[in-house]
Amino acid sequence: MEELRGTVIEIRPKNLFRVRLEDGRVILAGPSPSLRTLIVRLLVGDQVLLKVSANDPDRGQITK
C-alpha cells in the first residue's frame, strides 16, 4: 500500500469520503480501523494522509 496526501472534497454516506490526491486523482476512502475506534470528524477541506490499495487504485484508507 502506498501512502499519499490528499484533501477531502466530499462527504459520502456510510462513513466514506471523496479525496483529491496531490497528483490530481480522486479516490473514495474510508477511515482505517484504528480511526474508527476514535471519535474523528472530517470536514470538506481537511488534509489527510491515506494508504491507497494496490489492487484497486480508486480506493483507500485514511490513516491520519
Protein backbone atom coordinates (compact mmCIF):
# COMPACT_ATOMS: atom_id res chain seq x y z
CA MET A 1 0.00 0.00 0.00
CA GLU A 2 1.23 3.42 -0.97
CA GLU A 3 0.89 6.41 1.41
CA LEU A 4 -0.22 9.71 -0.13
CA ARG A 5 -1.57 13.09 0.99
CA GLY A 6 -4.89 14.49 -0.10
CA THR A 7 -7.79 16.81 0.65
CA VAL A 8 -11.36 15.78 1.49
CA ILE A 9 -13.64 17.16 -1.24
CA GLU A 10 -16.94 15.38 -0.48
CA ILE A 11 -18.54 13.55 2.43
CA ARG A 12 -20.43 10.43 1.35
CA PRO A 13 -22.86 8.19 3.27
CA LYS A 14 -21.65 5.22 5.34
CA ASN A 15 -18.50 6.98 6.58
CA LEU A 16 -16.86 7.33 3.15
CA PHE A 17 -15.11 10.36 1.69
CA ARG A 18 -14.01 11.56 -1.75
CA VAL A 19 -10.39 12.65 -1.53
CA ARG A 20 -8.38 14.59 -4.13
CA LEU A 21 -4.75 13.47 -4.06
CA GLU A 22 -1.81 15.80 -4.63
CA ASP A 23 -1.35 14.36 -8.13
CA GLY A 24 -4.95 15.27 -9.07
CA ARG A 25 -6.59 11.83 -8.83
CA VAL A 26 -9.87 11.50 -6.93
CA ILE A 27 -10.43 8.36 -4.87
CA LEU A 28 -13.02 7.00 -2.44
CA ALA A 29 -11.63 6.46 1.06
CA GLY A 30 -12.84 5.38 4.47
CA PRO A 31 -11.21 5.64 7.89
CA SER A 32 -8.73 2.96 8.95
CA PRO A 33 -9.83 0.56 11.72
CA SER A 34 -7.71 2.44 14.27
CA LEU A 35 -9.53 5.71 13.44
CA ARG A 36 -12.95 4.06 13.71
CA THR A 37 -12.46 3.48 17.43
CA LEU A 38 -11.78 7.20 17.97
CA ILE A 39 -14.29 9.99 17.55
CA VAL A 40 -12.98 11.61 14.37
CA ARG A 41 -14.91 14.22 12.42
CA LEU A 42 -13.63 15.03 8.95
CA LEU A 43 -14.88 18.05 7.06
CA VAL A 44 -14.53 19.20 3.46
CA GLY A 45 -11.11 20.81 3.06
CA ASP A 46 -9.32 18.72 5.70
CA GLN A 47 -5.85 17.46 4.81
CA VAL A 48 -5.48 13.69 5.27
CA LEU A 49 -2.81 11.02 4.94
CA LEU A 50 -4.08 7.83 3.36
CA LYS A 51 -3.00 4.45 2.07
CA VAL A 52 -4.08 3.59 -1.46
CA SER A 53 -4.88 -0.04 -2.21
CA ALA A 54 -2.51 -1.81 -4.59
CA ASN A 55 -5.35 -3.95 -6.00
CA ASP A 56 -7.84 -1.11 -6.54
CA PRO A 57 -6.14 2.29 -7.02
CA ASP A 58 -9.53 4.08 -6.76
CA ARG A 59 -9.99 3.17 -3.06
CA GLY A 60 -8.02 3.85 0.09
CA GLN A 61 -7.93 4.12 3.88
CA ILE A 62 -7.48 7.37 5.78
CA THR A 63 -4.75 6.91 8.40
CA LYS A 64 -4.24 10.47 9.74
